[in-house]
Amino acid sequence: MGIKLRVGEARRFTNKMKFIGKESLEVAADTLEEKAEDIQDLAKRQAPVDTHNLENAIKIDGPNIGRDKVEIEVYVEGQKNDYDVIMHEGTYNLGKKSKAKQESDMSVRVGDKYLARAYEELQPSIKKAVQKDLNNLYRRF
């Protein structure tokens, strides 16, 4: 009793594995892009406000698909005098507009670490979403 593996079958298997690998990266990229938008939206809701420049500076770069990885970045585009860093990392009292923003949406905390907190809150759902989407892909094969 035995199994013969011919070159043609091995090649088809190898090609299928290469396809699955490439498709996995594309599925992961799509999922990460959706989740990056969720992080961006939550960070904007949590960012302190005066002129809305800080909220508008929260951007997404990517997805960038490499040979064996996908990268996407949610970041705050540089502001004059490192305003973005000060507002993210600093300790301060909220201004009038930020307080009004906080009062209008009690489901978030407006203030410092707005981007980091958005990521921390959504990180578990990101991992689950990627795993779910990849599992759905693998079931097709």
N, C-alpha and C. Protein backbone atom coordinates (compact mmCIF):
# COMPACT_ATOMS: atom_id res chain seq x y z
N MET A 1 0.85 -1.17 0.00
CA MET A 1 0.00 0.00 0.00
C MET A 1 0.89 1.22 0.00
N GLY A 2 0.53 2.20 -0.80
CA GLY A 2 1.33 3.41 -0.85
C GLY A 2 0.65 4.50 -1.66
N ILE A 3 1.26 5.65 -1.62
CA ILE A 3 0.75 6.80 -2.36
C ILE A 3 1.87 7.28 -3.25
N LYS A 4 1.57 7.42 -4.52
CA LYS A 4 2.54 7.97 -5.45
C LYS A 4 2.27 9.45 -5.61
N LEU A 5 3.34 10.19 -5.58
CA LEU A 5 3.23 11.63 -5.80
C LEU A 5 4.04 11.96 -7.03
N ARG A 6 3.36 12.43 -8.05
CA ARG A 6 4.02 12.77 -9.29
C ARG A 6 4.43 14.23 -9.28
N VAL A 7 5.38 14.58 -10.10
CA VAL A 7 5.86 15.96 -10.18
C VAL A 7 4.72 16.91 -10.50
N GLY A 8 3.86 16.55 -11.42
CA GLY A 8 2.75 17.41 -11.79
C GLY A 8 1.84 17.70 -10.60
N GLU A 9 1.58 16.69 -9.79
CA GLU A 9 0.74 16.89 -8.61
C GLU A 9 1.45 17.75 -7.58
N ALA A 10 2.73 17.53 -7.42
CA ALA A 10 3.49 18.33 -6.46
C ALA A 10 3.50 19.80 -6.89
N ARG A 11 3.64 20.02 -8.19
CA ARG A 11 3.66 21.38 -8.70
C ARG A 11 2.31 22.06 -8.46
N ARG A 12 1.20 21.33 -8.71
CA ARG A 12 -0.12 21.89 -8.44
C ARG A 12 -0.27 22.23 -6.96
N PHE A 13 0.20 21.32 -6.11
CA PHE A 13 0.13 21.56 -4.67
C PHE A 13 0.95 22.79 -4.29
N THR A 14 2.16 22.89 -4.82
CA THR A 14 3.03 24.04 -4.54
C THR A 14 2.39 25.33 -5.03
N ASN A 15 1.83 25.30 -6.23
CA ASN A 15 1.17 26.49 -6.76
C ASN A 15 -0.03 26.88 -5.91
N LYS A 16 -0.78 25.88 -5.45
CA LYS A 16 -1.93 26.16 -4.59
C LYS A 16 -1.47 26.79 -3.28
N MET A 17 -0.39 26.28 -2.71
CA MET A 17 0.13 26.83 -1.46
C MET A 17 0.61 28.27 -1.67
N LYS A 18 1.26 28.53 -2.80
CA LYS A 18 1.69 29.89 -3.09
C LYS A 18 0.48 30.81 -3.22
N PHE A 19 -0.55 30.32 -3.89
CA PHE A 19 -1.77 31.11 -4.04
C PHE A 19 -2.40 31.40 -2.69
N ILE A 20 -2.49 30.37 -1.84
CA ILE A 20 -3.08 30.55 -0.52
C ILE A 20 -2.26 31.57 0.28
N GLY A 21 -0.93 31.49 0.18
CA GLY A 21 -0.08 32.44 0.89
C GLY A 21 -0.33 33.87 0.44
N LYS A 22 -0.39 34.07 -0.86
CA LYS A 22 -0.64 35.41 -1.41
C LYS A 22 -2.04 35.87 -1.05
N GLU A 23 -3.01 34.98 -1.19
CA GLU A 23 -4.40 35.32 -0.87
C GLU A 23 -4.54 35.64 0.62
N SER A 24 -3.81 34.92 1.47
CA SER A 24 -3.84 35.18 2.92
C SER A 24 -3.40 36.60 3.23
N LEU A 25 -2.35 37.04 2.56
CA LEU A 25 -1.86 38.40 2.78
C LEU A 25 -2.89 39.43 2.32
N GLU A 26 -3.55 39.16 1.22
CA GLU A 26 -4.56 40.09 0.72
C GLU A 26 -5.78 40.14 1.64
N VAL A 27 -6.19 38.98 2.14
CA VAL A 27 -7.32 38.94 3.08
C VAL A 27 -6.94 39.69 4.36
N ALA A 28 -5.74 39.42 4.87
CA ALA A 28 -5.27 40.11 6.07
C ALA A 28 -5.20 41.62 5.84
N ALA A 29 -4.74 42.03 4.67
CA ALA A 29 -4.64 43.46 4.35
C ALA A 29 -6.02 44.11 4.36
N ASP A 30 -7.00 43.44 3.76
CA ASP A 30 -8.36 43.99 3.73
C ASP A 30 -8.93 44.14 5.14
N THR A 31 -8.73 43.11 5.95
CA THR A 31 -9.24 43.13 7.32
C THR A 31 -8.53 44.20 8.14
N LEU A 32 -7.21 44.27 8.01
CA LEU A 32 -6.46 45.28 8.76
C LEU A 32 -6.84 46.70 8.33
N GLU A 33 -7.13 46.88 7.07
CA GLU A 33 -7.53 48.21 6.60
C GLU A 33 -8.86 48.63 7.24
N GLU A 34 -9.80 47.69 7.31
CA GLU A 34 -11.08 47.99 7.97
C GLU A 34 -10.86 48.33 9.44
N LYS A 35 -10.03 47.56 10.10
CA LYS A 35 -9.78 47.77 11.53
C LYS A 35 -8.98 49.06 11.77
N ALA A 36 -8.10 49.40 10.85
CA ALA A 36 -7.36 50.66 10.97
C ALA A 36 -8.33 51.84 10.88
N GLU A 37 -9.33 51.71 10.02
CA GLU A 37 -10.35 52.76 9.93
C GLU A 37 -11.14 52.87 11.23
N ASP A 38 -11.39 51.73 11.88
CA ASP A 38 -12.07 51.75 13.18
C ASP A 38 -11.22 52.47 14.22
N ILE A 39 -9.91 52.19 14.22
CA ILE A 39 -9.00 52.85 15.15
C ILE A 39 -8.98 54.35 14.87
N GLN A 40 -8.88 54.70 13.60
CA GLN A 40 -8.86 56.11 13.21
C GLN A 40 -10.13 56.82 13.69
N ASP A 41 -11.28 56.20 13.47
CA ASP A 41 -12.55 56.80 13.88
C ASP A 41 -12.61 56.99 15.39
N LEU A 42 -12.21 55.96 16.15
CA LEU A 42 -12.25 56.06 17.61
C LEU A 42 -11.25 57.09 18.11
N ALA A 43 -10.06 57.11 17.52
CA ALA A 43 -9.06 58.10 17.93
C ALA A 43 -9.56 59.52 17.68
N LYS A 44 -10.24 59.74 16.57
CA LYS A 44 -10.80 61.06 16.28
C LYS A 44 -11.86 61.44 17.32
N ARG A 45 -12.67 60.46 17.73
CA ARG A 45 -13.69 60.74 18.75
C ARG A 45 -13.06 61.06 20.10
N GLN A 46 -11.88 60.51 20.36
CA GLN A 46 -11.21 60.68 21.65
C GLN A 46 -10.23 61.85 21.68
N ALA A 47 -9.88 62.37 20.51
CA ALA A 47 -8.88 63.45 20.43
C ALA A 47 -9.46 64.75 20.97
N PRO A 48 -8.64 65.50 21.71
CA PRO A 48 -9.11 66.82 22.15
C PRO A 48 -9.32 67.70 20.92
N VAL A 49 -10.17 68.71 21.07
CA VAL A 49 -10.53 69.53 19.92
C VAL A 49 -10.43 71.01 20.26
N ASP A 50 -9.97 71.75 19.28
CA ASP A 50 -10.01 73.21 19.33
C ASP A 50 -10.44 73.67 17.94
N THR A 51 -9.58 73.38 16.95
CA THR A 51 -9.90 73.79 15.58
C THR A 51 -10.16 72.60 14.66
N HIS A 52 -10.14 71.40 15.18
CA HIS A 52 -10.33 70.14 14.45
C HIS A 52 -9.11 69.74 13.63
N ASN A 53 -8.01 70.50 13.70
CA ASN A 53 -6.80 70.13 12.97
C ASN A 53 -6.24 68.81 13.46
N LEU A 54 -6.28 68.58 14.75
CA LEU A 54 -5.73 67.34 15.30
C LEU A 54 -6.56 66.14 14.83
N GLU A 55 -7.85 66.24 14.89
CA GLU A 55 -8.72 65.15 14.41
C GLU A 55 -8.46 64.87 12.94
N ASN A 56 -8.34 65.92 12.15
CA ASN A 56 -8.11 65.76 10.71
C ASN A 56 -6.72 65.24 10.38
N ALA A 57 -5.81 65.31 11.34
CA ALA A 57 -4.43 64.86 11.11
C ALA A 57 -4.26 63.37 11.38
N ILE A 58 -5.28 62.69 11.87
CA ILE A 58 -5.19 61.25 12.13
C ILE A 58 -5.39 60.53 10.81
N LYS A 59 -4.33 59.89 10.33
CA LYS A 59 -4.29 59.31 8.98
C LYS A 59 -3.98 57.82 9.02
N ILE A 60 -4.14 57.19 7.88
CA ILE A 60 -3.79 55.77 7.69
C ILE A 60 -2.81 55.66 6.55
N ASP A 61 -1.76 54.89 6.75
CA ASP A 61 -0.80 54.59 5.69
C ASP A 61 -0.83 53.08 5.45
N GLY A 62 -1.16 52.70 4.24
CA GLY A 62 -1.17 51.29 3.91
C GLY A 62 -2.56 50.86 3.49
N PRO A 63 -2.74 49.60 3.34
CA PRO A 63 -1.84 48.54 3.74
C PRO A 63 -0.67 48.39 2.78
N ASN A 64 0.45 48.00 3.34
CA ASN A 64 1.65 47.68 2.57
C ASN A 64 1.87 46.19 2.69
N ILE A 65 1.77 45.51 1.56
CA ILE A 65 1.90 44.05 1.54
C ILE A 65 3.31 43.70 1.10
N GLY A 66 4.02 42.98 1.98
CA GLY A 66 5.36 42.52 1.66
C GLY A 66 5.33 41.06 1.25
N ARG A 67 6.48 40.47 1.20
CA ARG A 67 6.59 39.07 0.79
C ARG A 67 5.86 38.15 1.76
N ASP A 68 5.99 38.45 3.05
CA ASP A 68 5.38 37.57 4.06
C ASP A 68 4.74 38.34 5.21
N LYS A 69 4.38 39.61 4.96
CA LYS A 69 3.75 40.39 6.02
C LYS A 69 2.90 41.51 5.43
N VAL A 70 2.02 42.00 6.27
CA VAL A 70 1.17 43.13 5.92
C VAL A 70 1.37 44.17 7.01
N GLU A 71 1.57 45.41 6.61
CA GLU A 71 1.73 46.49 7.56
C GLU A 71 0.75 47.60 7.22
N ILE A 72 0.21 48.19 8.26
CA ILE A 72 -0.65 49.35 8.11
C ILE A 72 -0.41 50.22 9.33
N GLU A 73 -0.40 51.51 9.14
CA GLU A 73 -0.10 52.41 10.25
C GLU A 73 -1.20 53.45 10.37
N VAL A 74 -1.67 53.63 11.60
CA VAL A 74 -2.56 54.74 11.92
C VAL A 74 -1.67 55.72 12.68
N TYR A 75 -1.61 56.94 12.23
CA TYR A 75 -0.67 57.90 12.82
C TYR A 75 -1.26 59.29 12.81
N VAL A 76 -0.61 60.18 13.53
CA VAL A 76 -1.01 61.59 13.54
C VAL A 76 0.01 62.35 12.71
N GLU A 77 -0.46 62.94 11.64
CA GLU A 77 0.41 63.71 10.76
C GLU A 77 1.00 64.88 11.55
N GLY A 78 2.28 65.12 11.37
CA GLY A 78 2.97 66.14 12.14
C GLY A 78 2.29 67.50 12.15
N GLN A 79 2.27 68.11 13.30
CA GLN A 79 1.69 69.43 13.49
C GLN A 79 2.81 70.40 13.86
N LYS A 80 2.55 71.69 13.75
CA LYS A 80 3.52 72.70 14.13
C LYS A 80 3.88 72.54 15.61
N ASN A 81 5.16 72.76 15.91
CA ASN A 81 5.64 72.74 17.29
C ASN A 81 5.31 71.45 18.03
N ASP A 82 5.26 70.34 17.31
CA ASP A 82 4.97 69.03 17.92
C ASP A 82 3.67 69.02 18.71
N TYR A 83 2.70 69.78 18.25
CA TYR A 83 1.40 69.86 18.91
C TYR A 83 0.77 68.48 19.07
N ASP A 84 0.89 67.65 18.04
CA ASP A 84 0.31 66.31 18.09
C ASP A 84 0.93 65.48 19.22
N VAL A 85 2.24 65.58 19.40
CA VAL A 85 2.92 64.83 20.45
C VAL A 85 2.49 65.35 21.82
N ILE A 86 2.45 66.65 21.97
CA ILE A 86 2.05 67.26 23.24
C ILE A 86 0.63 66.84 23.61
N MET A 87 -0.28 66.87 22.65
CA MET A 87 -1.67 66.55 22.93
C MET A 87 -1.87 65.06 23.17
N HIS A 88 -1.00 64.22 22.62
CA HIS A 88 -1.11 62.78 22.85
C HIS A 88 -0.42 62.38 24.14
N GLU A 89 0.76 62.91 24.36
CA GLU A 89 1.59 62.47 25.49
C GLU A 89 1.48 63.35 26.72
N GLY A 90 1.02 64.56 26.56
CA GLY A 90 1.03 65.53 27.65
C GLY A 90 -0.08 65.36 28.67
N THR A 91 0.07 66.12 29.75
CA THR A 91 -0.96 66.20 30.78
C THR A 91 -1.52 67.62 30.72
N TYR A 92 -2.83 67.74 30.61
CA TYR A 92 -3.43 69.06 30.46
C TYR A 92 -4.91 68.99 30.85
N ASN A 93 -5.49 70.13 31.06
CA ASN A 93 -6.92 70.23 31.30
C ASN A 93 -7.60 70.46 29.96
N LEU A 94 -8.73 69.82 29.78
CA LEU A 94 -9.47 69.99 28.53
C LEU A 94 -10.01 71.41 28.41
N GLY A 95 -9.96 71.91 27.18
CA GLY A 95 -10.53 73.23 26.89
C GLY A 95 -12.03 73.14 26.72
N LYS A 96 -12.64 74.27 26.48
CA LYS A 96 -14.10 74.38 26.39
C LYS A 96 -14.66 73.45 25.30
N LYS A 97 -14.06 73.45 24.11
CA LYS A 97 -14.57 72.64 23.01
C LYS A 97 -14.39 71.14 23.28
N SER A 98 -13.26 70.79 23.90
CA SER A 98 -13.02 69.38 24.24
C SER A 98 -14.00 68.91 25.30
N LYS A 99 -14.30 69.77 26.26
CA LYS A 99 -15.28 69.41 27.29
C LYS A 99 -16.66 69.20 26.67
N ALA A 100 -17.02 70.07 25.74
CA ALA A 100 -18.31 69.92 25.05
C ALA A 100 -18.34 68.63 24.24
N LYS A 101 -17.22 68.31 23.60
CA LYS A 101 -17.12 67.07 22.84
C LYS A 101 -17.29 65.88 23.77
N GLN A 102 -16.64 65.92 24.93
CA GLN A 102 -16.74 64.84 25.91
C GLN A 102 -18.19 64.67 26.37
N GLU A 103 -18.85 65.76 26.65
CA GLU A 103 -20.23 65.71 27.14
C GLU A 103 -21.19 65.18 26.07
N SER A 104 -20.85 65.36 24.82
CA SER A 104 -21.72 64.90 23.73
C SER A 104 -21.55 63.40 23.43
N ASP A 105 -20.48 62.80 23.93
CA ASP A 105 -20.22 61.38 23.68
C ASP A 105 -19.57 60.77 24.91
N MET A 106 -20.38 60.33 25.84
CA MET A 106 -19.87 59.78 27.10
C MET A 106 -19.32 58.35 26.94
N SER A 107 -19.42 57.78 25.75
CA SER A 107 -18.90 56.42 25.54
C SER A 107 -17.38 56.42 25.35
N VAL A 108 -16.77 57.60 25.22
CA VAL A 108 -15.31 57.70 25.07
C VAL A 108 -14.78 58.71 26.07
N ARG A 109 -13.45 58.69 26.25
CA ARG A 109 -12.80 59.70 27.08
C ARG A 109 -11.97 60.58 26.16
N VAL A 110 -12.33 61.82 26.08
CA VAL A 110 -11.59 62.79 25.27
C VAL A 110 -10.35 63.19 26.04
N GLY A 111 -9.20 63.22 25.36
CA GLY A 111 -7.97 63.67 26.01
C GLY A 111 -6.74 62.93 25.54
N ASP A 112 -5.74 62.92 26.41
CA ASP A 112 -4.43 62.36 26.07
C ASP A 112 -4.51 60.88 25.69
N LYS A 113 -3.47 60.44 25.02
CA LYS A 113 -3.33 59.04 24.60
C LYS A 113 -4.50 58.57 23.72
N TYR A 114 -5.13 59.49 23.01
CA TYR A 114 -6.31 59.19 22.21
C TYR A 114 -6.06 58.10 21.18
N LEU A 115 -4.88 58.09 20.57
CA LEU A 115 -4.57 57.08 19.56
C LEU A 115 -4.21 55.75 20.22
N ALA A 116 -3.38 55.78 21.23
CA ALA A 116 -2.97 54.56 21.92
C ALA A 116 -4.18 53.88 22.57
N ARG A 117 -5.05 54.67 23.16
CA ARG A 117 -6.24 54.09 23.79
C ARG A 117 -7.17 53.46 22.76
N ALA A 118 -7.29 54.08 21.60
CA ALA A 118 -8.13 53.51 20.54
C ALA A 118 -7.57 52.15 20.11
N TYR A 119 -6.26 52.06 19.93
CA TYR A 119 -5.64 50.79 19.56
C TYR A 119 -5.83 49.75 20.65
N GLU A 120 -5.57 50.12 21.89
CA GLU A 120 -5.69 49.17 23.00
C GLU A 120 -7.11 48.62 23.12
N GLU A 121 -8.09 49.48 22.92
CA GLU A 121 -9.48 49.05 23.02
C GLU A 121 -9.86 48.09 21.90
N LEU A 122 -9.38 48.34 20.71
CA LEU A 122 -9.79 47.56 19.54
C LEU A 122 -8.88 46.39 19.22
N GLN A 123 -7.70 46.34 19.83
CA GLN A 123 -6.71 45.31 19.50
C GLN A 123 -7.26 43.89 19.59
N PRO A 124 -8.01 43.51 20.62
CA PRO A 124 -8.52 42.14 20.65
C PRO A 124 -9.44 41.82 19.47
N SER A 125 -10.27 42.78 19.06
CA SER A 125 -11.17 42.52 17.94
C SER A 125 -10.42 42.45 16.61
N ILE A 126 -9.27 43.11 16.54
CA ILE A 126 -8.46 43.05 15.32
C ILE A 126 -7.95 41.63 15.11
N LYS A 127 -7.38 41.07 16.16
CA LYS A 127 -6.84 39.71 16.07
C LYS A 127 -7.94 38.71 15.72
N LYS A 128 -9.09 38.84 16.37
CA LYS A 128 -10.21 37.92 16.09
C LYS A 128 -10.69 38.06 14.65
N ALA A 129 -10.78 39.28 14.15
CA ALA A 129 -11.27 39.50 12.79
C ALA A 129 -10.31 38.90 11.76
N VAL A 130 -9.01 39.08 11.96
CA VAL A 130 -8.03 38.52 11.03
C VAL A 130 -8.11 37.00 11.05
N GLN A 131 -8.16 36.41 12.25
CA GLN A 131 -8.25 34.95 12.36
C GLN A 131 -9.51 34.43 11.68
N LYS A 132 -10.64 35.10 11.90
CA LYS A 132 -11.91 34.67 11.30
C LYS A 132 -11.84 34.72 9.78
N ASP A 133 -11.33 35.82 9.25
CA ASP A 133 -11.28 35.97 7.80
C ASP A 133 -10.30 34.98 7.16
N LEU A 134 -9.18 34.72 7.84
CA LEU A 134 -8.23 33.74 7.30
C LEU A 134 -8.81 32.32 7.39
N ASN A 135 -9.51 32.01 8.47
CA ASN A 135 -10.16 30.70 8.58
C ASN A 135 -11.19 30.50 7.46
N ASN A 136 -11.94 31.54 7.15
CA ASN A 136 -12.91 31.47 6.05
C ASN A 136 -12.20 31.21 4.73
N LEU A 137 -11.06 31.84 4.53
CA LEU A 137 -10.28 31.60 3.30
C LEU A 137 -9.82 30.15 3.24
N TYR A 138 -9.26 29.64 4.33
CA TYR A 138 -8.70 28.29 4.33
C TYR A 138 -9.78 27.23 4.13
N ARG A 139 -10.99 27.51 4.57
CA ARG A 139 -12.08 26.54 4.38
C ARG A 139 -12.40 26.35 2.90
N ARG A 140 -12.10 27.35 2.09
CA ARG A 140 -12.37 27.25 0.65
C ARG A 140 -11.44 26.26 -0.03
N PHE A 141 -10.33 25.93 0.61
CA PHE A 141 -9.34 25.05 -0.03
C PHE A 141 -9.35 23.72 0.59
